[in-house]
Amino acid sequence: MAKSGKKSETKVTRITANDSPRHQKTKKTSAKIADVTPSRPVKVDETKGTSRRPNALKGFVGYFKGAWYELRQVRWPDRRTTWGMTGALLAFTAFFIVVILLLDAAFAELFNVLLGK
């Protein structure tokens, strides 16, 4: 079989982030903001050209609305599963208490032998 003279070319388009003004789609205002950095973020009201601070209560309420929304999505276990997980937790806790007590007793005996008491 002979290969044809045509090459298979793949066109690659690279997309890069660019912050130049021609790529921004926001409205330009004639208001000038001072070069002083405020302690809290300041938003520019594009309709009036004035700056205003964000409403703290709105953010506080928004946080709790989002938290409530996430809690509604949780799949809570039924009573039987909850008791099963509680029993497993208590069993593992009891097991590791016994292991730590045995290690403590073994090291105490080892130190008594080494110190000659």
N, C-alpha and C. Protein backbone atom coordinates (compact mmCIF):
# COMPACT_ATOMS: atom_id res chain seq x y z
N MET A 1 0.83 -1.18 0.00
CA MET A 1 0.00 0.00 0.00
C MET A 1 0.87 1.23 0.00
N ALA A 2 0.50 2.16 -0.78
CA ALA A 2 1.24 3.42 -0.86
C ALA A 2 0.52 4.48 -0.05
N LYS A 3 1.30 5.31 0.65
CA LYS A 3 0.71 6.39 1.41
C LYS A 3 0.46 7.57 0.51
N SER A 4 -0.66 8.22 0.74
CA SER A 4 -0.97 9.39 -0.07
C SER A 4 -0.14 10.56 0.43
N GLY A 5 0.03 11.57 -0.39
CA GLY A 5 0.85 12.73 -0.06
C GLY A 5 0.16 13.69 0.91
N LYS A 6 -1.13 13.51 1.18
CA LYS A 6 -1.84 14.43 2.07
C LYS A 6 -1.59 14.06 3.53
N LYS A 7 -1.41 15.11 4.34
CA LYS A 7 -1.23 14.89 5.77
C LYS A 7 -2.53 15.19 6.50
N SER A 8 -2.77 14.41 7.51
CA SER A 8 -3.93 14.65 8.35
C SER A 8 -3.55 15.69 9.39
N GLU A 9 -4.15 16.86 9.32
CA GLU A 9 -3.82 17.92 10.25
C GLU A 9 -4.96 18.12 11.24
N THR A 10 -4.60 18.32 12.48
CA THR A 10 -5.57 18.60 13.52
C THR A 10 -5.42 20.05 13.92
N LYS A 11 -6.52 20.76 13.90
CA LYS A 11 -6.49 22.17 14.26
C LYS A 11 -6.69 22.29 15.78
N VAL A 12 -5.75 22.93 16.45
CA VAL A 12 -5.80 23.10 17.90
C VAL A 12 -6.06 24.57 18.19
N THR A 13 -7.09 24.84 18.95
CA THR A 13 -7.40 26.21 19.35
C THR A 13 -7.05 26.36 20.81
N ARG A 14 -6.19 27.29 21.13
CA ARG A 14 -5.80 27.53 22.51
C ARG A 14 -6.54 28.74 23.03
N ILE A 15 -7.15 28.57 24.19
CA ILE A 15 -7.90 29.65 24.81
C ILE A 15 -7.11 30.11 26.02
N THR A 16 -6.86 31.40 26.07
CA THR A 16 -6.11 31.95 27.20
C THR A 16 -6.93 33.05 27.85
N ALA A 17 -6.66 33.27 29.12
CA ALA A 17 -7.33 34.34 29.84
C ALA A 17 -6.68 35.65 29.48
N ASN A 18 -7.50 36.65 29.26
CA ASN A 18 -6.99 37.95 28.89
C ASN A 18 -7.82 39.00 29.61
N ASP A 19 -7.16 39.87 30.34
CA ASP A 19 -7.86 40.89 31.09
C ASP A 19 -7.87 42.24 30.38
N SER A 20 -7.62 42.23 29.11
CA SER A 20 -7.59 43.51 28.39
C SER A 20 -9.01 44.08 28.29
N PRO A 21 -9.15 45.39 28.20
CA PRO A 21 -10.48 46.02 28.20
C PRO A 21 -11.37 45.57 27.06
N ARG A 22 -10.83 45.16 25.94
CA ARG A 22 -11.69 44.78 24.81
C ARG A 22 -12.44 43.48 25.07
N HIS A 23 -11.96 42.66 26.03
CA HIS A 23 -12.63 41.40 26.34
C HIS A 23 -13.62 41.53 27.49
N GLN A 24 -13.61 42.65 28.18
CA GLN A 24 -14.54 42.82 29.28
C GLN A 24 -15.86 43.33 28.75
N LYS A 25 -16.95 42.78 29.28
CA LYS A 25 -18.27 43.14 28.81
C LYS A 25 -19.04 43.93 29.85
N THR A 26 -18.33 44.61 30.72
CA THR A 26 -19.01 45.41 31.73
C THR A 26 -19.17 46.83 31.24
N LYS A 27 -20.13 47.53 31.83
CA LYS A 27 -20.35 48.91 31.46
C LYS A 27 -19.25 49.77 32.05
N LYS A 28 -18.83 50.76 31.30
CA LYS A 28 -17.84 51.68 31.81
C LYS A 28 -18.56 52.89 32.40
N THR A 29 -18.08 53.29 33.55
CA THR A 29 -18.67 54.47 34.18
C THR A 29 -17.65 55.58 34.24
N SER A 30 -18.14 56.77 34.42
CA SER A 30 -17.24 57.91 34.50
C SER A 30 -16.78 58.16 35.93
N ALA A 31 -17.27 57.36 36.89
CA ALA A 31 -16.89 57.55 38.29
C ALA A 31 -15.46 57.07 38.49
N LYS A 32 -14.73 57.80 39.28
CA LYS A 32 -13.36 57.42 39.58
C LYS A 32 -13.30 56.99 41.04
N ILE A 33 -12.63 55.87 41.28
CA ILE A 33 -12.48 55.35 42.63
C ILE A 33 -11.10 55.74 43.12
N ALA A 34 -11.02 56.16 44.38
CA ALA A 34 -9.75 56.57 44.94
C ALA A 34 -8.80 55.37 45.01
N ASP A 35 -7.49 55.66 45.00
CA ASP A 35 -6.49 54.61 45.05
C ASP A 35 -6.31 54.04 46.45
N VAL A 36 -7.07 54.52 47.42
CA VAL A 36 -6.98 54.03 48.79
C VAL A 36 -7.74 52.72 48.89
N THR A 37 -7.12 51.70 49.46
CA THR A 37 -7.78 50.40 49.62
C THR A 37 -8.65 50.45 50.86
N PRO A 38 -9.96 50.23 50.71
CA PRO A 38 -10.85 50.27 51.88
C PRO A 38 -10.69 49.03 52.73
N SER A 39 -11.16 49.11 53.98
CA SER A 39 -11.06 47.95 54.87
C SER A 39 -12.04 46.86 54.45
N ARG A 40 -13.17 47.25 53.87
CA ARG A 40 -14.15 46.29 53.35
C ARG A 40 -14.29 46.54 51.86
N PRO A 41 -14.66 45.52 51.09
CA PRO A 41 -14.79 45.72 49.65
C PRO A 41 -15.88 46.73 49.32
N VAL A 42 -15.61 47.54 48.31
CA VAL A 42 -16.56 48.56 47.88
C VAL A 42 -17.00 48.22 46.47
N LYS A 43 -18.30 48.21 46.24
CA LYS A 43 -18.84 47.96 44.91
C LYS A 43 -19.22 49.28 44.27
N VAL A 44 -19.07 49.35 42.98
CA VAL A 44 -19.45 50.56 42.26
C VAL A 44 -20.83 50.36 41.69
N ASP A 45 -21.74 51.26 42.02
CA ASP A 45 -23.10 51.22 41.48
C ASP A 45 -23.03 51.81 40.08
N GLU A 46 -23.17 50.96 39.06
CA GLU A 46 -22.96 51.41 37.69
C GLU A 46 -24.07 52.33 37.20
N THR A 47 -25.22 52.28 37.82
CA THR A 47 -26.30 53.16 37.36
C THR A 47 -26.10 54.58 37.84
N LYS A 48 -25.57 54.75 39.05
CA LYS A 48 -25.39 56.09 39.60
C LYS A 48 -23.95 56.55 39.55
N GLY A 49 -23.00 55.62 39.43
CA GLY A 49 -21.60 56.00 39.41
C GLY A 49 -21.05 56.26 40.80
N THR A 50 -21.72 55.79 41.83
CA THR A 50 -21.25 55.98 43.19
C THR A 50 -20.83 54.65 43.77
N SER A 51 -20.05 54.71 44.84
CA SER A 51 -19.61 53.47 45.48
C SER A 51 -20.46 53.23 46.71
N ARG A 52 -20.67 51.95 47.02
CA ARG A 52 -21.44 51.57 48.20
C ARG A 52 -20.83 50.31 48.78
N ARG A 53 -21.06 50.09 50.07
CA ARG A 53 -20.55 48.90 50.75
C ARG A 53 -21.59 47.78 50.62
N PRO A 54 -21.12 46.52 50.56
CA PRO A 54 -22.08 45.41 50.48
C PRO A 54 -22.84 45.26 51.80
N ASN A 55 -24.06 44.78 51.70
CA ASN A 55 -24.89 44.62 52.87
C ASN A 55 -24.45 43.36 53.63
N ALA A 56 -23.98 43.55 54.87
CA ALA A 56 -23.48 42.42 55.66
C ALA A 56 -24.61 41.46 56.03
N LEU A 57 -25.80 41.99 56.31
CA LEU A 57 -26.92 41.14 56.68
C LEU A 57 -27.34 40.24 55.52
N LYS A 58 -27.24 40.76 54.30
CA LYS A 58 -27.60 39.98 53.12
C LYS A 58 -26.65 38.78 52.96
N GLY A 59 -25.37 38.98 53.20
CA GLY A 59 -24.41 37.89 53.12
C GLY A 59 -24.62 36.87 54.23
N PHE A 60 -24.96 37.36 55.43
CA PHE A 60 -25.22 36.50 56.58
C PHE A 60 -26.43 35.61 56.32
N VAL A 61 -27.50 36.21 55.81
CA VAL A 61 -28.72 35.45 55.50
C VAL A 61 -28.46 34.48 54.35
N GLY A 62 -27.68 34.92 53.36
CA GLY A 62 -27.35 34.05 52.23
C GLY A 62 -26.57 32.82 52.65
N TYR A 63 -25.68 33.00 53.63
CA TYR A 63 -24.91 31.86 54.14
C TYR A 63 -25.84 30.81 54.75
N PHE A 64 -26.77 31.26 55.59
CA PHE A 64 -27.65 30.31 56.25
C PHE A 64 -28.66 29.70 55.28
N LYS A 65 -29.07 30.43 54.25
CA LYS A 65 -29.93 29.83 53.22
C LYS A 65 -29.18 28.72 52.50
N GLY A 66 -27.92 28.98 52.15
CA GLY A 66 -27.11 27.96 51.48
C GLY A 66 -26.87 26.75 52.37
N ALA A 67 -26.61 27.00 53.66
CA ALA A 67 -26.40 25.89 54.59
C ALA A 67 -27.66 25.05 54.74
N TRP A 68 -28.81 25.72 54.83
CA TRP A 68 -30.08 24.99 54.93
C TRP A 68 -30.34 24.17 53.68
N TYR A 69 -30.02 24.74 52.51
CA TYR A 69 -30.19 24.02 51.25
C TYR A 69 -29.32 22.76 51.23
N GLU A 70 -28.07 22.87 51.69
CA GLU A 70 -27.18 21.71 51.74
C GLU A 70 -27.67 20.66 52.73
N LEU A 71 -28.21 21.10 53.87
CA LEU A 71 -28.73 20.15 54.86
C LEU A 71 -29.93 19.38 54.32
N ARG A 72 -30.72 20.02 53.48
CA ARG A 72 -31.87 19.33 52.89
C ARG A 72 -31.43 18.25 51.92
N GLN A 73 -30.23 18.37 51.35
CA GLN A 73 -29.74 17.38 50.40
C GLN A 73 -29.09 16.18 51.06
N VAL A 74 -28.83 16.26 52.36
CA VAL A 74 -28.18 15.16 53.08
C VAL A 74 -29.14 13.97 53.17
N ARG A 75 -28.61 12.78 52.94
CA ARG A 75 -29.40 11.56 53.10
C ARG A 75 -29.11 11.03 54.49
N TRP A 76 -30.04 11.27 55.39
CA TRP A 76 -29.86 10.90 56.78
C TRP A 76 -30.11 9.41 56.97
N PRO A 77 -29.33 8.73 57.84
CA PRO A 77 -29.53 7.30 58.07
C PRO A 77 -30.78 7.05 58.90
N ASP A 78 -31.34 5.85 58.74
CA ASP A 78 -32.50 5.49 59.55
C ASP A 78 -32.04 5.06 60.95
N ARG A 79 -32.99 4.76 61.81
CA ARG A 79 -32.68 4.44 63.21
C ARG A 79 -31.79 3.20 63.32
N ARG A 80 -32.07 2.18 62.54
CA ARG A 80 -31.31 0.93 62.63
C ARG A 80 -29.85 1.17 62.23
N THR A 81 -29.63 1.91 61.16
CA THR A 81 -28.27 2.20 60.72
C THR A 81 -27.53 3.04 61.75
N THR A 82 -28.24 4.01 62.35
CA THR A 82 -27.62 4.87 63.36
C THR A 82 -27.16 4.05 64.56
N TRP A 83 -28.00 3.13 65.04
CA TRP A 83 -27.62 2.29 66.17
C TRP A 83 -26.48 1.34 65.79
N GLY A 84 -26.47 0.86 64.56
CA GLY A 84 -25.38 0.00 64.11
C GLY A 84 -24.05 0.74 64.09
N MET A 85 -24.06 1.98 63.58
CA MET A 85 -22.83 2.77 63.57
C MET A 85 -22.40 3.14 64.98
N THR A 86 -23.35 3.42 65.86
CA THR A 86 -23.02 3.74 67.26
C THR A 86 -22.39 2.53 67.94
N GLY A 87 -22.94 1.33 67.71
CA GLY A 87 -22.37 0.10 68.26
C GLY A 87 -20.96 -0.15 67.76
N ALA A 88 -20.74 0.09 66.46
CA ALA A 88 -19.40 -0.10 65.89
C ALA A 88 -18.41 0.88 66.52
N LEU A 89 -18.83 2.12 66.71
CA LEU A 89 -17.97 3.12 67.34
C LEU A 89 -17.61 2.71 68.77
N LEU A 90 -18.59 2.24 69.54
CA LEU A 90 -18.33 1.82 70.91
C LEU A 90 -17.41 0.59 70.95
N ALA A 91 -17.59 -0.35 70.01
CA ALA A 91 -16.74 -1.55 69.96
C ALA A 91 -15.29 -1.17 69.64
N PHE A 92 -15.08 -0.31 68.64
CA PHE A 92 -13.72 0.13 68.32
C PHE A 92 -13.10 0.89 69.47
N THR A 93 -13.88 1.73 70.14
CA THR A 93 -13.36 2.48 71.28
C THR A 93 -12.94 1.54 72.39
N ALA A 94 -13.76 0.56 72.71
CA ALA A 94 -13.43 -0.42 73.76
C ALA A 94 -12.19 -1.21 73.38
N PHE A 95 -12.07 -1.62 72.11
CA PHE A 95 -10.91 -2.36 71.65
C PHE A 95 -9.63 -1.56 71.84
N PHE A 96 -9.65 -0.31 71.43
CA PHE A 96 -8.43 0.49 71.54
C PHE A 96 -8.12 0.88 72.98
N ILE A 97 -9.12 0.99 73.84
CA ILE A 97 -8.86 1.21 75.26
C ILE A 97 -8.10 0.01 75.83
N VAL A 98 -8.53 -1.20 75.48
CA VAL A 98 -7.86 -2.41 75.96
C VAL A 98 -6.44 -2.47 75.42
N VAL A 99 -6.24 -2.16 74.14
CA VAL A 99 -4.90 -2.19 73.55
C VAL A 99 -3.98 -1.20 74.26
N ILE A 100 -4.45 0.02 74.50
CA ILE A 100 -3.62 1.03 75.17
C ILE A 100 -3.31 0.63 76.61
N LEU A 101 -4.29 0.07 77.32
CA LEU A 101 -4.04 -0.38 78.70
C LEU A 101 -3.02 -1.52 78.74
N LEU A 102 -3.10 -2.45 77.78
CA LEU A 102 -2.12 -3.54 77.73
C LEU A 102 -0.72 -3.02 77.40
N LEU A 103 -0.63 -2.09 76.45
CA LEU A 103 0.68 -1.50 76.13
C LEU A 103 1.24 -0.75 77.33
N ASP A 104 0.40 -0.01 78.04
CA ASP A 104 0.84 0.73 79.21
C ASP A 104 1.36 -0.23 80.28
N ALA A 105 0.65 -1.31 80.52
CA ALA A 105 1.09 -2.29 81.52
C ALA A 105 2.39 -2.96 81.09
N ALA A 106 2.52 -3.28 79.80
CA ALA A 106 3.74 -3.93 79.30
C ALA A 106 4.94 -3.00 79.43
N PHE A 107 4.79 -1.73 79.07
CA PHE A 107 5.90 -0.79 79.20
C PHE A 107 6.24 -0.52 80.66
N ALA A 108 5.25 -0.47 81.53
CA ALA A 108 5.50 -0.27 82.96
C ALA A 108 6.32 -1.44 83.51
N GLU A 109 5.96 -2.66 83.15
CA GLU A 109 6.71 -3.84 83.59
C GLU A 109 8.12 -3.84 83.02
N LEU A 110 8.27 -3.45 81.74
CA LEU A 110 9.59 -3.39 81.11
C LEU A 110 10.48 -2.38 81.82
N PHE A 111 9.96 -1.23 82.15
CA PHE A 111 10.76 -0.21 82.85
C PHE A 111 11.11 -0.68 84.26
N ASN A 112 10.20 -1.39 84.93
CA ASN A 112 10.51 -1.92 86.25
C ASN A 112 11.64 -2.94 86.18
N VAL A 113 11.65 -3.78 85.14
CA VAL A 113 12.71 -4.77 84.96
C VAL A 113 14.03 -4.05 84.66
N LEU A 114 14.00 -3.05 83.78
CA LEU A 114 15.23 -2.33 83.41
C LEU A 114 15.81 -1.54 84.58
N LEU A 115 14.94 -0.96 85.39
CA LEU A 115 15.41 -0.16 86.52
C LEU A 115 15.71 -1.01 87.75
N GLY A 116 15.35 -2.26 87.76
CA GLY A 116 15.66 -3.19 88.82
C GLY A 116 14.82 -3.03 90.05
N LYS A 117 13.60 -2.65 89.89
CA LYS A 117 12.70 -2.47 91.05
C LYS A 117 11.97 -3.73 91.36
